Amino acid sequence: MEVKCPTCGKSVRWEKESKFRPFCSDRCKLIDLGEWASGGRAIPGDSLEDDLMSGDLNSIQSH
């Protein structure tokens, strides 16, 4: 099976021997990691501040 590298789009064979899968290289893997670390990529969801400021925590703490 082949997949596209999430960073550059190059075709990558999805097999045990593919050291950097799903990335084509260590360089692409590190570029992706840097984007996550800098906040360039994120998983959508409520922010922690919204959770902390909501009344939901009070109901959790009372249990």
PDB file of N, CA and C in Angstrom:
ATOM      1  N   MET A   1       0.849  -1.174   0.000  1.00  0.00           N
ATOM      2  CA  MET A   1       0.000   0.000   0.000  1.00  0.00           C
ATOM      3  C   MET A   1       0.895   1.239   0.000  1.00  0.00           C
ATOM      4  N   GLU A   2       0.431   2.277  -0.641  1.00  0.00           N
ATOM      5  CA  GLU A   2       1.173   3.538  -0.666  1.00  0.00           C
ATOM      6  C   GLU A   2       0.303   4.654  -0.111  1.00  0.00           C
ATOM      7  N   VAL A   3       0.945   5.568   0.620  1.00  0.00           N
ATOM      8  CA  VAL A   3       0.279   6.750   1.169  1.00  0.00           C
ATOM      9  C   VAL A   3       1.090   7.972   0.765  1.00  0.00           C
ATOM     10  N   LYS A   4       0.510   9.136   0.919  1.00  0.00           N
ATOM     11  CA  LYS A   4       1.229  10.377   0.618  1.00  0.00           C
ATOM     12  C   LYS A   4       1.831  10.942   1.900  1.00  0.00           C
ATOM     13  N   CYS A   5       3.064  11.386   1.817  1.00  0.00           N
ATOM     14  CA  CYS A   5       3.729  12.031   2.950  1.00  0.00           C
ATOM     15  C   CYS A   5       2.902  13.258   3.343  1.00  0.00           C
ATOM     16  N   PRO A   6       2.537  13.393   4.629  1.00  0.00           N
ATOM     17  CA  PRO A   6       1.718  14.523   5.057  1.00  0.00           C
ATOM     18  C   PRO A   6       2.400  15.879   4.870  1.00  0.00           C
ATOM     19  N   THR A   7       3.718  15.891   4.766  1.00  0.00           N
ATOM     20  CA  THR A   7       4.453  17.149   4.644  1.00  0.00           C
ATOM     21  C   THR A   7       4.640  17.575   3.199  1.00  0.00           C
ATOM     22  N   CYS A   8       5.165  16.674   2.364  1.00  0.00           N
ATOM     23  CA  CYS A   8       5.500  17.068   0.992  1.00  0.00           C
ATOM     24  C   CYS A   8       4.616  16.433  -0.076  1.00  0.00           C
ATOM     25  N   GLY A   9       3.849  15.396   0.289  1.00  0.00           N
ATOM     26  CA  GLY A   9       2.953  14.746  -0.660  1.00  0.00           C
ATOM     27  C   GLY A   9       3.598  13.636  -1.476  1.00  0.00           C
ATOM     28  N   LYS A  10       4.887  13.364  -1.248  1.00  0.00           N
ATOM     29  CA  LYS A  10       5.568  12.291  -1.966  1.00  0.00           C
ATOM     30  C   LYS A  10       4.958  10.944  -1.583  1.00  0.00           C
ATOM     31  N   SER A  11       4.923  10.018  -2.527  1.00  0.00           N
ATOM     32  CA  SER A  11       4.372   8.689  -2.287  1.00  0.00           C
ATOM     33  C   SER A  11       5.313   7.888  -1.391  1.00  0.00           C
ATOM     34  N   VAL A  12       4.741   7.229  -0.365  1.00  0.00           N
ATOM     35  CA  VAL A  12       5.511   6.447   0.602  1.00  0.00           C
ATOM     36  C   VAL A  12       4.896   5.057   0.704  1.00  0.00           C
ATOM     37  N   ARG A  13       5.731   4.034   0.619  1.00  0.00           N
ATOM     38  CA  ARG A  13       5.238   2.657   0.791  1.00  0.00           C
ATOM     39  C   ARG A  13       4.966   2.419   2.271  1.00  0.00           C
ATOM     40  N   TRP A  14       3.768   1.949   2.595  1.00  0.00           N
ATOM     41  CA  TRP A  14       3.373   1.668   3.983  1.00  0.00           C
ATOM     42  C   TRP A  14       3.723   0.217   4.288  1.00  0.00           C
ATOM     43  N   GLU A  15       4.929   0.042   4.798  1.00  0.00           N
ATOM     44  CA  GLU A  15       5.389  -1.295   5.162  1.00  0.00           C
ATOM     45  C   GLU A  15       6.349  -1.188   6.337  1.00  0.00           C
ATOM     46  N   LYS A  16       6.606  -2.303   6.965  1.00  0.00           N
ATOM     47  CA  LYS A  16       7.438  -2.334   8.167  1.00  0.00           C
ATOM     48  C   LYS A  16       8.812  -1.701   7.942  1.00  0.00           C
ATOM     49  N   GLU A  17       9.368  -1.885   6.794  1.00  0.00           N
ATOM     50  CA  GLU A  17      10.700  -1.369   6.483  1.00  0.00           C
ATOM     51  C   GLU A  17      10.727   0.144   6.265  1.00  0.00           C
ATOM     52  N   SER A  18       9.576   0.765   6.092  1.00  0.00           N
ATOM     53  CA  SER A  18       9.506   2.213   5.871  1.00  0.00           C
ATOM     54  C   SER A  18       9.732   2.919   7.208  1.00  0.00           C
ATOM     55  N   LYS A  19      10.961   3.303   7.435  1.00  0.00           N
ATOM     56  CA  LYS A  19      11.420   3.809   8.734  1.00  0.00           C
ATOM     57  C   LYS A  19      10.661   5.049   9.219  1.00  0.00           C
ATOM     58  N   PHE A  20      10.270   5.926   8.307  1.00  0.00           N
ATOM     59  CA  PHE A  20       9.682   7.212   8.714  1.00  0.00           C
ATOM     60  C   PHE A  20       8.188   7.309   8.433  1.00  0.00           C
ATOM     61  N   ARG A  21       7.537   6.198   8.102  1.00  0.00           N
ATOM     62  CA  ARG A  21       6.125   6.256   7.712  1.00  0.00           C
ATOM     63  C   ARG A  21       5.289   6.969   8.769  1.00  0.00           C
ATOM     64  N   PRO A  22       4.340   7.768   8.445  1.00  0.00           N
ATOM     65  CA  PRO A  22       3.845   8.025   7.098  1.00  0.00           C
ATOM     66  C   PRO A  22       4.652   9.073   6.337  1.00  0.00           C
ATOM     67  N   PHE A  23       5.760   9.506   6.885  1.00  0.00           N
ATOM     68  CA  PHE A  23       6.591  10.514   6.221  1.00  0.00           C
ATOM     69  C   PHE A  23       7.594   9.836   5.295  1.00  0.00           C
ATOM     70  N   CYS A  24       8.080  10.586   4.311  1.00  0.00           N
ATOM     71  CA  CYS A  24       9.044  10.022   3.363  1.00  0.00           C
ATOM     72  C   CYS A  24      10.466  10.090   3.901  1.00  0.00           C
ATOM     73  N   SER A  25      10.709  10.969   4.882  1.00  0.00           N
ATOM     74  CA  SER A  25      12.072  11.143   5.382  1.00  0.00           C
ATOM     75  C   SER A  25      12.047  11.724   6.797  1.00  0.00           C
ATOM     76  N   ASP A  26      13.200  11.683   7.427  1.00  0.00           N
ATOM     77  CA  ASP A  26      13.336  12.279   8.748  1.00  0.00           C
ATOM     78  C   ASP A  26      13.100  13.789   8.666  1.00  0.00           C
ATOM     79  N   ARG A  27      13.533  14.407   7.583  1.00  0.00           N
ATOM     80  CA  ARG A  27      13.342  15.849   7.394  1.00  0.00           C
ATOM     81  C   ARG A  27      11.856  16.209   7.428  1.00  0.00           C
ATOM     82  N   CYS A  28      11.048  15.478   6.667  1.00  0.00           N
ATOM     83  CA  CYS A  28       9.607  15.762   6.641  1.00  0.00           C
ATOM     84  C   CYS A  28       8.973  15.510   8.009  1.00  0.00           C
ATOM     85  N   LYS A  29       9.436  14.477   8.704  1.00  0.00           N
ATOM     86  CA  LYS A  29       8.923  14.185  10.048  1.00  0.00           C
ATOM     87  C   LYS A  29       9.226  15.344  10.997  1.00  0.00           C
ATOM     88  N   LEU A  30      10.440  15.886  10.930  1.00  0.00           N
ATOM     89  CA  LEU A  30      10.828  16.989  11.809  1.00  0.00           C
ATOM     90  C   LEU A  30      10.112  18.293  11.452  1.00  0.00           C
ATOM     91  N   ILE A  31       9.868  18.512  10.177  1.00  0.00           N
ATOM     92  CA  ILE A  31       9.097  19.696   9.764  1.00  0.00           C
ATOM     93  C   ILE A  31       7.694  19.627  10.372  1.00  0.00           C
ATOM     94  N   ASP A  32       7.067  18.467  10.297  1.00  0.00           N
ATOM     95  CA  ASP A  32       5.727  18.279  10.861  1.00  0.00           C
ATOM     96  C   ASP A  32       5.747  18.493  12.376  1.00  0.00           C
ATOM     97  N   LEU A  33       6.724  17.922  13.059  1.00  0.00           N
ATOM     98  CA  LEU A  33       6.844  18.096  14.509  1.00  0.00           C
ATOM     99  C   LEU A  33       6.991  19.575  14.853  1.00  0.00           C
ATOM    100  N   GLY A  34       7.801  20.301  14.101  1.00  0.00           N
ATOM    101  CA  GLY A  34       7.983  21.733  14.337  1.00  0.00           C
ATOM    102  C   GLY A  34       6.699  22.514  14.174  1.00  0.00           C
ATOM    103  N   GLU A  35       5.872  22.131  13.198  1.00  0.00           N
ATOM    104  CA  GLU A  35       4.587  22.814  13.003  1.00  0.00           C
ATOM    105  C   GLU A  35       3.662  22.587  14.186  1.00  0.00           C
ATOM    106  N   TRP A  36       3.635  21.360  14.718  1.00  0.00           N
ATOM    107  CA  TRP A  36       2.814  21.080  15.901  1.00  0.00           C
ATOM    108  C   TRP A  36       3.331  21.877  17.097  1.00  0.00           C
ATOM    109  N   ALA A  37       4.654  21.885  17.289  1.00  0.00           N
ATOM    110  CA  ALA A  37       5.245  22.558  18.445  1.00  0.00           C
ATOM    111  C   ALA A  37       5.028  24.067  18.418  1.00  0.00           C
ATOM    112  N   SER A  38       5.003  24.649  17.230  1.00  0.00           N
ATOM    113  CA  SER A  38       4.822  26.099  17.115  1.00  0.00           C
ATOM    114  C   SER A  38       3.358  26.515  17.124  1.00  0.00           C
ATOM    115  N   GLY A  39       2.446  25.543  17.123  1.00  0.00           N
ATOM    116  CA  GLY A  39       1.016  25.854  17.110  1.00  0.00           C
ATOM    117  C   GLY A  39       0.453  25.999  15.714  1.00  0.00           C
ATOM    118  N   GLY A  40       1.264  25.714  14.699  1.00  0.00           N
ATOM    119  CA  GLY A  40       0.801  25.793  13.319  1.00  0.00           C
ATOM    120  C   GLY A  40      -0.217  24.723  12.975  1.00  0.00           C
ATOM    121  N   ARG A  41      -0.206  23.644  13.723  1.00  0.00           N
ATOM    122  CA  ARG A  41      -1.188  22.570  13.571  1.00  0.00           C
ATOM    123  C   ARG A  41      -1.793  22.305  14.933  1.00  0.00           C
ATOM    124  N   ALA A  42      -3.059  21.981  14.937  1.00  0.00           N
ATOM    125  CA  ALA A  42      -3.743  21.700  16.198  1.00  0.00           C
ATOM    126  C   ALA A  42      -4.973  20.848  15.925  1.00  0.00           C
ATOM    127  N   ILE A  43      -5.383  20.119  16.922  1.00  0.00           N
ATOM    128  CA  ILE A  43      -6.616  19.349  16.832  1.00  0.00           C
ATOM    129  C   ILE A  43      -7.741  20.246  17.329  1.00  0.00           C
ATOM    130  N   PRO A  44      -8.778  20.464  16.525  1.00  0.00           N
ATOM    131  CA  PRO A  44      -9.857  21.362  16.932  1.00  0.00           C
ATOM    132  C   PRO A  44     -10.558  20.877  18.199  1.00  0.00           C
ATOM    133  N   GLY A  45     -10.951  21.812  19.013  1.00  0.00           N
ATOM    134  CA  GLY A  45     -11.683  21.488  20.232  1.00  0.00           C
ATOM    135  C   GLY A  45     -11.783  22.714  21.109  1.00  0.00           C
ATOM    136  N   ASP A  46     -12.461  22.564  22.214  1.00  0.00           N
ATOM    137  CA  ASP A  46     -12.590  23.660  23.157  1.00  0.00           C
ATOM    138  C   ASP A  46     -11.239  23.957  23.784  1.00  0.00           C
ATOM    139  N   SER A  47     -10.984  25.216  24.021  1.00  0.00           N
ATOM    140  CA  SER A  47      -9.720  25.565  24.652  1.00  0.00           C
ATOM    141  C   SER A  47      -9.777  25.254  26.142  1.00  0.00           C
ATOM    142  N   LEU A  48      -8.637  25.076  26.749  1.00  0.00           N
ATOM    143  CA  LEU A  48      -8.552  24.783  28.175  1.00  0.00           C
ATOM    144  C   LEU A  48      -9.140  25.935  28.978  1.00  0.00           C
ATOM    145  N   GLU A  49      -8.914  27.162  28.503  1.00  0.00           N
ATOM    146  CA  GLU A  49      -9.456  28.327  29.213  1.00  0.00           C
ATOM    147  C   GLU A  49     -10.977  28.268  29.280  1.00  0.00           C
ATOM    148  N   ASP A  50     -11.609  27.861  28.177  1.00  0.00           N
ATOM    149  CA  ASP A  50     -13.068  27.729  28.191  1.00  0.00           C
ATOM    150  C   ASP A  50     -13.505  26.708  29.235  1.00  0.00           C
ATOM    151  N   ASP A  51     -12.780  25.605  29.335  1.00  0.00           N
ATOM    152  CA  ASP A  51     -13.109  24.585  30.326  1.00  0.00           C
ATOM    153  C   ASP A  51     -12.926  25.117  31.739  1.00  0.00           C
ATOM    154  N   LEU A  52     -11.857  25.857  31.964  1.00  0.00           N
ATOM    155  CA  LEU A  52     -11.570  26.368  33.301  1.00  0.00           C
ATOM    156  C   LEU A  52     -12.554  27.450  33.733  1.00  0.00           C
ATOM    157  N   MET A  53     -13.062  28.209  32.774  1.00  0.00           N
ATOM    158  CA  MET A  53     -13.959  29.309  33.105  1.00  0.00           C
ATOM    159  C   MET A  53     -15.423  28.883  33.151  1.00  0.00           C
ATOM    160  N   SER A  54     -15.701  27.664  32.734  1.00  0.00           N
ATOM    161  CA  SER A  54     -17.089  27.224  32.727  1.00  0.00           C
ATOM    162  C   SER A  54     -17.485  26.712  34.097  1.00  0.00           C
ATOM    163  N   GLY A  55     -18.758  26.581  34.324  1.00  0.00           N
ATOM    164  CA  GLY A  55     -19.256  26.064  35.581  1.00  0.00           C
ATOM    165  C   GLY A  55     -19.135  24.549  35.684  1.00  0.00           C
ATOM    166  N   ASP A  56     -18.695  23.915  34.603  1.00  0.00           N
ATOM    167  CA  ASP A  56     -18.581  22.452  34.597  1.00  0.00           C
ATOM    168  C   ASP A  56     -17.614  21.947  35.652  1.00  0.00           C
ATOM    169  N   LEU A  57     -16.562  22.657  35.925  1.00  0.00           N
ATOM    170  CA  LEU A  57     -15.571  22.185  36.891  1.00  0.00           C
ATOM    171  C   LEU A  57     -16.159  22.136  38.292  1.00  0.00           C
ATOM    172  N   ASN A  58     -17.033  23.068  38.621  1.00  0.00           N
ATOM    173  CA  ASN A  58     -17.643  23.073  39.941  1.00  0.00           C
ATOM    174  C   ASN A  58     -18.460  21.807  40.182  1.00  0.00           C
ATOM    175  N   SER A  59     -19.177  21.372  39.148  1.00  0.00           N
ATOM    176  CA  SER A  59     -19.985  20.157  39.311  1.00  0.00           C
ATOM    177  C   SER A  59     -19.100  18.925  39.422  1.00  0.00           C
ATOM    178  N   ILE A  60     -17.941  18.920  38.761  1.00  0.00           N
ATOM    179  CA  ILE A  60     -17.017  17.798  38.863  1.00  0.00           C
ATOM    180  C   ILE A  60     -16.394  17.749  40.247  1.00  0.00           C
ATOM    181  N   GLN A  61     -16.008  18.902  40.782  1.00  0.00           N
ATOM    182  CA  GLN A  61     -15.332  18.954  42.066  1.00  0.00           C
ATOM    183  C   GLN A  61     -16.258  18.580  43.224  1.00  0.00           C
ATOM    184  N   SER A  62     -17.555  18.782  43.068  1.00  0.00           N
ATOM    185  CA  SER A  62     -18.485  18.492  44.144  1.00  0.00           C
ATOM    186  C   SER A  62     -18.798  16.999  44.266  1.00  0.00           C
ATOM    187  N   HIS A  63     -18.403  16.199  43.280  1.00  0.00           N
ATOM    188  CA  HIS A  63     -18.671  14.750  43.323  1.00  0.00           C
ATOM    189  C   HIS A  63     -17.631  14.025  44.087  1.00  0.00           C
TER     190      HIS A  63
END
